[in-house]
Amino acid sequence: MLLLEQTNYDFIGNIILAILLMGVLFLILLFIRKIITSVLDGLEMVYALFTKRPFFVHFHPFKRKLSKEQTRILEKEFAFYRRLDKKRKSYFKHRVATFIKKKTFEGKEGFIITDKVKILVSATAAMLTFGFRNYKIPYVKNVVVYPTEYFSRFSKTTNKGEFNARLKTLVLSWDNFLEGHRIEDDKLNLGIHEFAHAIHFSCIKSEDINSILFVDTFNELRNMLSDNETLKTKLTNSEFIRSYAFTNDSELLAVIIETFIESPKVFKSLFPNIYIKVKQMLNFNFADY
């Protein structure tokens, strides 16, 4: 009997010892992972200092899929997607599918959320962050869509769209969103404008390499305009960038990104130095940019 009890104690002791050893091993592996991650982050930061871009952007070993109908909508309605090569199209579809899965869509005032709504809104987000490794825009959890302009209970104004960081919500009026989407070269795109605000805020609150590059490069752009009165005056007087851009820094960023996406060739021709900064911010090296 005593021998049996001793055997049980030994067995329990061995289990406890094994658990402790596994815990120690796990902590060691976490420590090693942290060291490796820190070293790699440091190397990438040095790389980005010289190149203004991350080591890599796309790593999607398990890609999410869109349905055939969703893919058809994307192919028909989204010119940016059509200009991508086959490999990048697969990445883009994965990111659109991920946005749809991770975000909540809600229609207001009788508006029905359809596949087309989800695809076009999600594709706009995917386009703007296609040069980012961390592309999920953490400060957008909810997308609310009204049929037309609506009265905002937050700003107490009638709006076409807005981004609310506190509620992690992006609000759009569908008729204005569609108008901006369908007219591709008028430098007015509600979806791009509001997502630009959301990306800007998310980048300020994040520490990944793309967020750092985005914020730092925008600060360089602001300083460029502050230090170069000739350039600022030329930009202001050109009417190429609409006057609303000069309301504040946040609107400057959103309007400049709208202009960059919708009129890249003219932008590059008229203001090459500003164009380069926006390209660096978004890490855009594809689709005619």
Protein backbone atom coordinates (compact mmCIF):
# COMPACT_ATOMS: atom_id res chain seq x y z
CA MET A 1 0.00 0.00 0.00
CA LEU A 2 2.81 2.39 0.94
CA LEU A 3 4.64 1.44 -2.26
CA LEU A 4 1.52 2.20 -4.31
CA GLU A 5 1.11 5.58 -2.65
CA GLN A 6 4.78 6.38 -3.26
CA THR A 7 4.36 5.44 -6.93
CA ASN A 8 1.35 7.77 -7.20
CA TYR A 9 3.31 10.58 -5.58
CA ASP A 10 6.19 10.00 -7.98
CA PHE A 11 3.81 10.03 -10.94
CA ILE A 12 2.15 13.27 -9.81
CA GLY A 13 5.56 14.78 -9.14
CA ASN A 14 6.72 13.87 -12.65
CA ILE A 15 3.62 15.47 -14.15
CA ILE A 16 4.17 18.67 -12.16
CA LEU A 17 7.84 18.71 -13.16
CA ALA A 18 6.92 18.19 -16.82
CA ILE A 19 4.40 21.05 -16.66
CA LEU A 20 6.99 23.32 -15.04
CA LEU A 21 9.59 22.41 -17.67
CA MET A 22 7.09 23.05 -20.45
CA GLY A 23 6.25 26.41 -18.91
CA VAL A 24 9.93 27.34 -18.68
CA LEU A 25 10.48 26.20 -22.28
CA PHE A 26 7.48 28.26 -23.42
CA LEU A 27 8.85 31.36 -21.67
CA ILE A 28 12.27 30.78 -23.24
CA LEU A 29 10.69 30.47 -26.69
CA LEU A 30 8.70 33.67 -26.11
CA PHE A 31 11.90 35.44 -25.06
CA ILE A 32 13.75 34.17 -28.13
CA ARG A 33 10.83 35.19 -30.35
CA LYS A 34 10.86 38.66 -28.81
CA ILE A 35 14.60 39.01 -29.42
CA ILE A 36 14.29 37.82 -33.04
CA THR A 37 11.30 40.11 -33.63
CA SER A 38 13.15 43.07 -32.13
CA VAL A 39 16.22 42.39 -34.28
CA LEU A 40 14.12 42.02 -37.44
CA ASP A 41 12.13 45.16 -36.61
CA GLY A 42 15.39 47.03 -36.12
CA LEU A 43 16.77 45.79 -39.44
CA GLU A 44 13.53 46.70 -41.20
CA MET A 45 13.61 50.16 -39.64
CA VAL A 46 17.12 50.70 -41.01
CA TYR A 47 15.99 49.37 -44.40
CA ALA A 48 12.96 51.69 -44.36
CA LEU A 49 15.15 54.64 -43.41
CA PHE A 50 16.90 54.34 -46.76
CA THR A 51 14.15 52.94 -48.99
CA LYS A 52 11.00 54.48 -47.44
CA ARG A 53 9.20 51.13 -47.60
CA PRO A 54 8.95 47.89 -45.58
CA PHE A 55 10.88 44.67 -46.30
CA PHE A 56 7.73 43.04 -47.63
CA VAL A 57 4.01 43.74 -47.81
CA HIS A 58 2.09 40.61 -48.76
CA PHE A 59 2.23 37.40 -46.74
CA HIS A 60 -1.04 35.52 -47.05
CA PRO A 61 -0.40 31.75 -46.81
CA PHE A 62 -4.11 31.04 -46.34
CA LYS A 63 -6.08 33.31 -48.64
CA ARG A 64 -9.74 34.02 -48.11
CA LYS A 65 -11.97 33.71 -51.16
CA LEU A 66 -14.75 35.79 -52.64
CA SER A 67 -17.80 34.18 -54.21
CA LYS A 68 -18.10 34.13 -57.99
CA GLU A 69 -20.69 36.92 -57.83
CA GLN A 70 -18.50 39.03 -55.56
CA THR A 71 -15.52 38.52 -57.87
CA ARG A 72 -17.68 39.48 -60.85
CA ILE A 73 -18.70 42.72 -59.12
CA LEU A 74 -15.09 43.50 -58.26
CA GLU A 75 -13.92 42.85 -61.82
CA LYS A 76 -16.71 44.91 -63.36
CA GLU A 77 -16.84 47.83 -60.92
CA PHE A 78 -13.29 48.38 -59.67
CA ALA A 79 -10.78 49.68 -62.20
CA PHE A 80 -7.86 49.55 -59.76
CA TYR A 81 -8.35 45.79 -59.37
CA ARG A 82 -8.47 45.26 -63.14
CA ARG A 83 -5.05 46.91 -63.51
CA LEU A 84 -3.36 44.48 -61.11
CA ASP A 85 -1.46 41.40 -62.26
CA LYS A 86 -2.75 37.91 -61.44
CA LYS A 87 -0.77 37.47 -58.22
CA ARG A 88 -1.75 40.87 -56.85
CA LYS A 89 -5.38 40.25 -57.78
CA SER A 90 -5.35 37.18 -55.51
CA TYR A 91 -3.89 39.28 -52.68
CA PHE A 92 -6.47 42.00 -53.29
CA LYS A 93 -9.39 39.56 -53.21
CA HIS A 94 -8.08 38.10 -49.95
CA ARG A 95 -7.93 41.55 -48.39
CA VAL A 96 -11.41 42.47 -49.59
CA ALA A 97 -12.78 39.19 -48.21
CA THR A 98 -10.99 39.81 -44.90
CA PHE A 99 -12.46 43.31 -44.60
CA ILE A 100 -15.96 41.96 -45.26
CA LYS A 101 -15.48 39.23 -42.64
CA LYS A 102 -13.95 41.45 -39.95
CA LYS A 103 -16.17 44.53 -40.23
CA THR A 104 -19.85 45.01 -39.43
CA PHE A 105 -21.99 46.59 -42.17
CA GLU A 106 -25.24 48.32 -41.23
CA GLY A 107 -27.79 50.07 -43.43
CA LYS A 108 -29.77 53.03 -42.09
CA GLU A 109 -33.10 54.61 -43.09
CA GLY A 110 -34.15 51.53 -45.04
CA PHE A 111 -30.88 51.09 -46.93
CA ILE A 112 -30.15 47.44 -47.74
CA ILE A 113 -26.56 46.17 -47.51
CA THR A 114 -25.91 44.10 -50.64
CA ASP A 115 -22.84 42.30 -51.96
CA LYS A 116 -22.17 45.28 -54.20
CA VAL A 117 -22.11 47.62 -51.21
CA LYS A 118 -19.75 45.35 -49.29
CA ILE A 119 -17.44 44.82 -52.27
CA LEU A 120 -17.12 48.47 -53.32
CA VAL A 121 -16.62 49.78 -49.78
CA SER A 122 -14.18 47.00 -48.85
CA ALA A 123 -12.29 47.35 -52.13
CA THR A 124 -11.82 51.07 -51.47
CA ALA A 125 -10.25 50.25 -48.10
CA ALA A 126 -8.14 47.49 -49.64
CA MET A 127 -6.91 49.81 -52.41
CA LEU A 128 -5.73 52.52 -50.02
CA THR A 129 -3.91 50.02 -47.79
CA PHE A 130 -2.63 47.76 -50.57
CA GLY A 131 0.91 48.98 -49.92
CA PHE A 132 0.57 48.22 -46.18
CA ARG A 133 1.45 44.96 -44.47
CA ASN A 134 -0.94 45.77 -41.63
CA TYR A 135 -3.98 46.56 -43.76
CA LYS A 136 -6.99 46.01 -41.51
CA ILE A 137 -7.54 49.64 -40.36
CA PRO A 138 -8.11 48.83 -36.66
CA TYR A 139 -10.08 52.01 -35.97
CA VAL A 140 -12.81 50.95 -38.36
CA LYS A 141 -14.94 48.19 -36.88
CA ASN A 142 -18.31 49.30 -38.25
CA VAL A 143 -19.42 50.64 -41.61
CA VAL A 144 -22.77 52.46 -41.57
CA VAL A 145 -24.42 53.32 -44.89
CA TYR A 146 -27.27 55.78 -45.45
CA PRO A 147 -29.10 56.05 -48.79
CA THR A 148 -28.26 59.77 -49.05
CA GLU A 149 -27.05 62.69 -46.93
CA TYR A 150 -27.98 62.31 -43.27
CA PHE A 151 -28.07 64.36 -40.07
CA SER A 152 -25.19 63.39 -37.80
CA ARG A 153 -26.01 63.31 -34.10
CA PHE A 154 -22.29 63.71 -33.37
CA SER A 155 -21.43 66.78 -35.44
CA LYS A 156 -25.02 68.13 -35.46
CA THR A 157 -24.68 68.77 -39.20
CA THR A 158 -25.97 67.24 -42.42
CA ASN A 159 -23.16 65.07 -43.78
CA LYS A 160 -22.24 63.00 -46.80
CA GLY A 161 -19.93 60.87 -44.67
CA GLU A 162 -17.79 60.87 -41.56
CA PHE A 163 -15.27 58.90 -39.53
CA ASN A 164 -15.82 58.54 -35.79
CA ALA A 165 -12.65 57.28 -34.11
CA ARG A 166 -14.23 56.89 -30.67
CA LEU A 167 -16.92 54.56 -32.03
CA LYS A 168 -14.55 53.03 -34.62
CA THR A 169 -17.23 53.72 -37.20
CA LEU A 170 -17.12 54.93 -40.80
CA VAL A 171 -20.36 56.44 -42.12
CA LEU A 172 -21.17 56.87 -45.82
CA SER A 173 -24.09 58.13 -47.91
CA TRP A 174 -24.46 55.65 -50.74
CA ASP A 175 -25.48 58.03 -53.52
CA ASN A 176 -22.45 60.24 -52.84
CA PHE A 177 -20.18 57.23 -52.48
CA LEU A 178 -21.32 55.89 -55.85
CA GLU A 179 -20.92 59.24 -57.56
CA GLY A 180 -17.34 59.52 -56.34
CA HIS A 181 -16.62 55.95 -57.34
CA ARG A 182 -18.09 56.18 -60.85
CA ILE A 183 -16.41 59.45 -61.81
CA GLU A 184 -12.79 58.40 -61.56
CA ASP A 185 -10.95 61.59 -62.47
CA ASP A 186 -12.74 64.50 -60.75
CA LYS A 187 -10.67 64.20 -57.54
CA LEU A 188 -13.86 63.85 -55.49
CA ASN A 189 -14.34 60.45 -53.89
CA LEU A 190 -16.24 60.16 -50.62
CA GLY A 191 -15.05 56.62 -49.89
CA ILE A 192 -11.39 57.49 -50.39
CA HIS A 193 -11.78 60.70 -48.37
CA GLU A 194 -13.33 59.08 -45.30
CA PHE A 195 -11.07 56.03 -45.36
CA ALA A 196 -8.07 58.38 -45.62
CA HIS A 197 -9.17 59.94 -42.32
CA ALA A 198 -9.53 56.48 -40.75
CA ILE A 199 -6.13 55.32 -42.01
CA HIS A 200 -4.49 58.52 -40.80
CA PHE A 201 -5.90 58.09 -37.29
CA SER A 202 -5.06 54.36 -37.21
CA CYS A 203 -1.48 55.08 -38.26
CA ILE A 204 -1.05 57.72 -35.55
CA LYS A 205 -2.14 55.14 -32.96
CA SER A 206 -0.06 52.25 -34.36
CA GLU A 207 3.64 51.38 -34.37
CA ASP A 208 4.00 49.04 -37.36
CA ILE A 209 6.43 50.04 -40.09
CA ASN A 210 3.82 51.29 -42.57
CA SER A 211 2.13 53.44 -39.93
CA ILE A 212 5.47 55.00 -38.97
CA LEU A 213 6.32 55.69 -42.62
CA PHE A 214 2.85 57.10 -43.28
CA VAL A 215 2.94 59.55 -40.36
CA ASP A 216 6.59 60.54 -40.79
CA THR A 217 6.21 61.15 -44.52
CA PHE A 218 3.06 63.20 -44.03
CA ASN A 219 4.96 65.32 -41.49
CA GLU A 220 7.69 65.78 -44.10
CA LEU A 221 5.03 66.88 -46.58
CA ARG A 222 3.56 69.37 -44.11
CA ASN A 223 7.02 70.77 -43.40
CA MET A 224 7.72 71.00 -47.12
CA LEU A 225 4.64 73.16 -47.62
CA SER A 226 5.39 75.25 -44.53
CA ASP A 227 9.00 75.90 -45.53
CA ASN A 228 8.39 76.49 -49.22
CA GLU A 229 6.01 79.41 -49.65
CA THR A 230 6.42 79.33 -53.42
CA LEU A 231 5.27 75.72 -53.58
CA LYS A 232 2.40 76.33 -51.16
CA THR A 233 1.22 79.36 -53.13
CA LYS A 234 1.45 77.45 -56.39
CA LEU A 235 -0.57 74.60 -54.88
CA THR A 236 -3.19 76.95 -53.45
CA ASN A 237 -3.58 79.00 -56.63
CA SER A 238 -3.57 76.05 -59.01
CA GLU A 239 -7.09 74.91 -58.02
CA PHE A 240 -5.81 71.40 -58.74
CA ILE A 241 -6.19 70.71 -55.02
CA ARG A 242 -9.59 71.99 -53.89
CA SER A 243 -9.58 74.72 -51.27
CA TYR A 244 -11.22 72.48 -48.64
CA ALA A 245 -7.82 70.80 -48.28
CA PHE A 246 -6.49 73.84 -46.45
CA THR A 247 -9.10 73.64 -43.66
CA ASN A 248 -6.68 71.67 -41.45
CA ASP A 249 -3.97 69.01 -41.68
CA SER A 250 -6.45 66.15 -41.59
CA GLU A 251 -8.41 67.50 -44.55
CA LEU A 252 -5.18 68.29 -46.39
CA LEU A 253 -4.18 64.65 -46.11
CA ALA A 254 -7.59 63.30 -47.18
CA VAL A 255 -7.93 65.62 -50.18
CA ILE A 256 -4.36 65.03 -51.35
CA ILE A 257 -4.90 61.25 -51.21
CA GLU A 258 -8.17 61.63 -53.16
CA THR A 259 -6.28 63.63 -55.79
CA PHE A 260 -3.39 61.17 -55.90
CA ILE A 261 -5.67 58.19 -56.49
CA GLU A 262 -7.96 59.83 -59.04
CA SER A 263 -5.52 61.97 -61.02
CA PRO A 264 -2.00 60.53 -60.60
CA LYS A 265 -0.51 61.55 -63.95
CA VAL A 266 -1.53 65.21 -63.72
CA PHE A 267 -0.55 65.29 -60.05
CA LYS A 268 2.91 63.93 -60.85
CA SER A 269 3.30 66.43 -63.69
CA LEU A 270 2.23 69.52 -61.72
CA PHE A 271 3.60 68.74 -58.26
CA PRO A 272 6.19 65.94 -58.51
CA ASN A 273 7.66 66.50 -55.04
CA ILE A 274 4.27 66.29 -53.33
CA TYR A 275 3.31 63.32 -55.50
CA ILE A 276 6.42 61.41 -54.39
CA LYS A 277 5.59 62.02 -50.73
CA VAL A 278 2.04 60.70 -51.11
CA LYS A 279 3.34 57.68 -53.01
CA GLN A 280 5.76 56.99 -50.15
CA MET A 281 3.00 57.40 -47.55
CA LEU A 282 0.83 54.78 -49.24
CA ASN A 283 3.76 52.66 -50.51
CA PHE A 284 2.09 52.65 -53.93
CA ASN A 285 4.26 50.88 -56.50
CA PHE A 286 1.67 49.34 -58.80
CA ALA A 287 -1.31 49.96 -61.10
CA ASP A 288 0.06 52.95 -63.03
CA TYR A 289 1.27 54.83 -59.95
